[in-house]
């Protein structure tokens, strides 16, 4: 089977956009600083994964959230640099909701165990994004 031309051209166009966007970012100090901040945050998430934890513990749960944040960030960057801006911003909403959840856990350490063990009804009552915000 031959791959249709349009499907072959998509990655080439994505790469053209990535090069152009990175050149633009490089030419604007504020954008360069923002991208550096994102890289620093992602590096921090990678470093957090090196902490030893027991599956099912609060620390392990936070590490899993960290993995998810890293994946969301990396995917949003890839999509954004490839020209898929709407999809990238949709992922950033998930990231914001995760950050709100971690903030809740920071202010109420008992919430993390409840979040991890809650049944569906109590989870929806306590941990829907609108409630966490």
C-alpha atoms as a PDB file:
ATOM      1  CA  UNK A   1       0.000   0.000   0.000  1.00  0.00           C
ATOM      2  CA  UNK A   2       1.280   3.434  -0.891  1.00  0.00           C
ATOM      3  CA  UNK A   3       0.956   6.163   1.713  1.00  0.00           C
ATOM      4  CA  UNK A   4      -1.086   9.092   0.362  1.00  0.00           C
ATOM      5  CA  UNK A   5       0.997  12.166  -0.487  1.00  0.00           C
ATOM      6  CA  UNK A   6      -0.814  14.378   2.017  1.00  0.00           C
ATOM      7  CA  UNK A   7       0.085  12.050   4.869  1.00  0.00           C
ATOM      8  CA  UNK A   8       3.721  12.140   3.825  1.00  0.00           C
ATOM      9  CA  UNK A   9       3.671  15.942   3.606  1.00  0.00           C
ATOM     10  CA  UNK A  10       2.234  16.516   7.089  1.00  0.00           C
ATOM     11  CA  UNK A  11       5.463  15.779   9.044  1.00  0.00           C
ATOM     12  CA  UNK A  12       7.486  17.909   6.613  1.00  0.00           C
ATOM     13  CA  UNK A  13       5.151  20.876   7.126  1.00  0.00           C
ATOM     14  CA  UNK A  14       5.177  20.336  10.891  1.00  0.00           C
ATOM     15  CA  UNK A  15       8.983  20.489  10.828  1.00  0.00           C
ATOM     16  CA  UNK A  16       8.917  23.711   8.778  1.00  0.00           C
ATOM     17  CA  UNK A  17       6.580  25.263  11.339  1.00  0.00           C
ATOM     18  CA  UNK A  18       8.712  24.025  14.246  1.00  0.00           C
ATOM     19  CA  UNK A  19      11.832  25.628  12.789  1.00  0.00           C
ATOM     20  CA  UNK A  20       9.989  28.916  12.140  1.00  0.00           C
ATOM     21  CA  UNK A  21       8.403  29.024  15.592  1.00  0.00           C
ATOM     22  CA  UNK A  22      11.698  28.241  17.352  1.00  0.00           C
ATOM     23  CA  UNK A  23      13.401  31.006  15.351  1.00  0.00           C
ATOM     24  CA  UNK A  24      10.664  33.396  16.436  1.00  0.00           C
ATOM     25  CA  UNK A  25      11.004  32.311  20.057  1.00  0.00           C
ATOM     26  CA  UNK A  26      14.769  32.796  19.874  1.00  0.00           C
ATOM     27  CA  UNK A  27      14.315  36.367  18.605  1.00  0.00           C
ATOM     28  CA  UNK A  28      11.950  37.448  21.431  1.00  0.00           C
ATOM     29  CA  UNK A  29      13.554  37.466  24.904  1.00  0.00           C
ATOM     30  CA  UNK A  30      10.238  37.047  26.756  1.00  0.00           C
ATOM     31  CA  UNK A  31       9.327  33.985  24.683  1.00  0.00           C
ATOM     32  CA  UNK A  32      12.812  32.555  25.153  1.00  0.00           C
ATOM     33  CA  UNK A  33      12.465  33.048  28.934  1.00  0.00           C
ATOM     34  CA  UNK A  34       9.046  31.376  28.944  1.00  0.00           C
ATOM     35  CA  UNK A  35      10.350  28.352  27.061  1.00  0.00           C
ATOM     36  CA  UNK A  36      13.304  28.139  29.453  1.00  0.00           C
ATOM     37  CA  UNK A  37      10.906  28.236  32.418  1.00  0.00           C
ATOM     38  CA  UNK A  38       8.916  25.361  30.906  1.00  0.00           C
ATOM     39  CA  UNK A  39      12.119  23.378  30.392  1.00  0.00           C
ATOM     40  CA  UNK A  40      13.191  24.053  33.984  1.00  0.00           C
ATOM     41  CA  UNK A  41       9.801  22.888  35.299  1.00  0.00           C
ATOM     42  CA  UNK A  42      10.006  19.711  33.213  1.00  0.00           C
ATOM     43  CA  UNK A  43      13.555  19.077  34.467  1.00  0.00           C
ATOM     44  CA  UNK A  44      12.246  19.444  38.017  1.00  0.00           C
ATOM     45  CA  UNK A  45       9.509  16.885  37.334  1.00  0.00           C
ATOM     46  CA  UNK A  46      12.125  14.444  36.016  1.00  0.00           C
ATOM     47  CA  UNK A  47      14.232  14.936  39.150  1.00  0.00           C
ATOM     48  CA  UNK A  48      11.234  14.279  41.401  1.00  0.00           C
ATOM     49  CA  UNK A  49      10.862  10.861  39.820  1.00  0.00           C
ATOM     50  CA  UNK A  50      14.208   9.773  41.289  1.00  0.00           C
ATOM     51  CA  UNK A  51      12.796   9.866  44.838  1.00  0.00           C
ATOM     52  CA  UNK A  52      12.195   6.371  46.200  1.00  0.00           C
ATOM     53  CA  UNK A  53       8.548   5.656  47.005  1.00  0.00           C
ATOM     54  CA  UNK A  54       6.253   2.764  47.739  1.00  0.00           C
ATOM     55  CA  UNK A  55       3.376   2.108  45.323  1.00  0.00           C
ATOM     56  CA  UNK A  56       0.153   3.382  46.880  1.00  0.00           C
ATOM     57  CA  UNK A  57       1.919   5.967  49.042  1.00  0.00           C
ATOM     58  CA  UNK A  58       1.246   9.692  48.885  1.00  0.00           C
ATOM     59  CA  UNK A  59       4.718  10.269  47.443  1.00  0.00           C
ATOM     60  CA  UNK A  60       4.155   7.685  44.723  1.00  0.00           C
ATOM     61  CA  UNK A  61       0.799   9.236  43.857  1.00  0.00           C
ATOM     62  CA  UNK A  62       2.450  12.646  43.504  1.00  0.00           C
ATOM     63  CA  UNK A  63       5.144  11.100  41.320  1.00  0.00           C
ATOM     64  CA  UNK A  64       2.471   9.643  39.030  1.00  0.00           C
ATOM     65  CA  UNK A  65       0.877  13.075  38.790  1.00  0.00           C
ATOM     66  CA  UNK A  66       4.355  14.409  37.987  1.00  0.00           C
ATOM     67  CA  UNK A  67       4.703  11.875  35.146  1.00  0.00           C
ATOM     68  CA  UNK A  68       1.357  13.004  33.809  1.00  0.00           C
ATOM     69  CA  UNK A  69       2.347  16.675  34.051  1.00  0.00           C
ATOM     70  CA  UNK A  70       5.586  15.966  32.214  1.00  0.00           C
ATOM     71  CA  UNK A  71       3.776  14.077  29.444  1.00  0.00           C
ATOM     72  CA  UNK A  72       1.131  16.785  29.118  1.00  0.00           C
ATOM     73  CA  UNK A  73       3.838  19.467  28.936  1.00  0.00           C
ATOM     74  CA  UNK A  74       5.960  17.629  26.403  1.00  0.00           C
ATOM     75  CA  UNK A  75       2.956  16.832  24.237  1.00  0.00           C
ATOM     76  CA  UNK A  76       1.639  20.402  24.397  1.00  0.00           C
ATOM     77  CA  UNK A  77       5.045  21.735  23.345  1.00  0.00           C
ATOM     78  CA  UNK A  78       5.282  19.273  20.468  1.00  0.00           C
ATOM     79  CA  UNK A  79       1.774  20.086  19.277  1.00  0.00           C
ATOM     80  CA  UNK A  80       2.268  23.826  19.658  1.00  0.00           C
ATOM     81  CA  UNK A  81       5.557  23.830  17.778  1.00  0.00           C
ATOM     82  CA  UNK A  82       3.932  21.747  15.027  1.00  0.00           C
ATOM     83  CA  UNK A  83       1.091  24.220  14.532  1.00  0.00           C
ATOM     84  CA  UNK A  84      -1.645  22.396  16.443  1.00  0.00           C
ATOM     85  CA  UNK A  85      -2.336  25.300  18.782  1.00  0.00           C
ATOM     86  CA  UNK A  86      -5.883  24.409  19.822  1.00  0.00           C
ATOM     87  CA  UNK A  87      -4.906  20.878  20.819  1.00  0.00           C
ATOM     88  CA  UNK A  88      -1.879  22.231  22.716  1.00  0.00           C
ATOM     89  CA  UNK A  89      -4.064  24.627  24.709  1.00  0.00           C
ATOM     90  CA  UNK A  90      -6.559  21.858  25.481  1.00  0.00           C
ATOM     91  CA  UNK A  91      -3.729  19.913  27.085  1.00  0.00           C
ATOM     92  CA  UNK A  92      -2.712  22.954  29.109  1.00  0.00           C
ATOM     93  CA  UNK A  93      -6.152  22.918  30.715  1.00  0.00           C
ATOM     94  CA  UNK A  94      -5.416  19.395  31.973  1.00  0.00           C
ATOM     95  CA  UNK A  95      -2.091  20.675  33.288  1.00  0.00           C
ATOM     96  CA  UNK A  96      -3.776  23.520  35.158  1.00  0.00           C
ATOM     97  CA  UNK A  97      -6.269  21.104  36.707  1.00  0.00           C
ATOM     98  CA  UNK A  98      -3.404  18.878  37.861  1.00  0.00           C
ATOM     99  CA  UNK A  99      -1.574  21.838  39.364  1.00  0.00           C
ATOM    100  CA  UNK A 100      -4.764  22.836  41.214  1.00  0.00           C
ATOM    101  CA  UNK A 101      -5.025  19.287  42.539  1.00  0.00           C
ATOM    102  CA  UNK A 102      -1.410  19.314  43.770  1.00  0.00           C
ATOM    103  CA  UNK A 103      -2.075  22.704  45.383  1.00  0.00           C
ATOM    104  CA  UNK A 104      -5.054  21.180  47.209  1.00  0.00           C
ATOM    105  CA  UNK A 105      -2.858  18.309  48.404  1.00  0.00           C
ATOM    106  CA  UNK A 106      -0.277  20.825  49.604  1.00  0.00           C
ATOM    107  CA  UNK A 107      -2.849  22.768  51.626  1.00  0.00           C
ATOM    108  CA  UNK A 108      -4.661  19.655  52.921  1.00  0.00           C
ATOM    109  CA  UNK A 109      -2.388  16.624  53.161  1.00  0.00           C
ATOM    110  CA  UNK A 110      -5.296  14.330  54.069  1.00  0.00           C
ATOM    111  CA  UNK A 111      -6.912  15.047  50.681  1.00  0.00           C
ATOM    112  CA  UNK A 112      -4.374  12.964  48.756  1.00  0.00           C
ATOM    113  CA  UNK A 113      -5.346   9.718  50.514  1.00  0.00           C
ATOM    114  CA  UNK A 114      -9.032  10.522  50.105  1.00  0.00           C
ATOM    115  CA  UNK A 115      -8.480  11.287  46.399  1.00  0.00           C
ATOM    116  CA  UNK A 116      -6.631   8.012  45.884  1.00  0.00           C
ATOM    117  CA  UNK A 117      -9.177   5.827  47.682  1.00  0.00           C
ATOM    118  CA  UNK A 118     -12.493   7.608  47.043  1.00  0.00           C
ATOM    119  CA  UNK A 119     -15.352   5.768  45.400  1.00  0.00           C
ATOM    120  CA  UNK A 120     -16.802   7.337  42.251  1.00  0.00           C
ATOM    121  CA  UNK A 121     -19.634   9.168  44.025  1.00  0.00           C
ATOM    122  CA  UNK A 122     -17.444  10.798  46.663  1.00  0.00           C
ATOM    123  CA  UNK A 123     -14.692  11.445  44.128  1.00  0.00           C
ATOM    124  CA  UNK A 124     -17.133  13.401  41.957  1.00  0.00           C
ATOM    125  CA  UNK A 125     -18.429  15.263  44.997  1.00  0.00           C
ATOM    126  CA  UNK A 126     -14.973  16.248  46.251  1.00  0.00           C
ATOM    127  CA  UNK A 127     -12.505  16.225  43.349  1.00  0.00           C
ATOM    128  CA  UNK A 128     -14.136  17.366  40.128  1.00  0.00           C
ATOM    129  CA  UNK A 129     -12.009  20.214  38.730  1.00  0.00           C
ATOM    130  CA  UNK A 130     -14.715  22.780  39.480  1.00  0.00           C
ATOM    131  CA  UNK A 131     -14.647  21.708  43.166  1.00  0.00           C
ATOM    132  CA  UNK A 132     -10.861  21.656  43.388  1.00  0.00           C
ATOM    133  CA  UNK A 133     -10.611  25.175  41.946  1.00  0.00           C
END
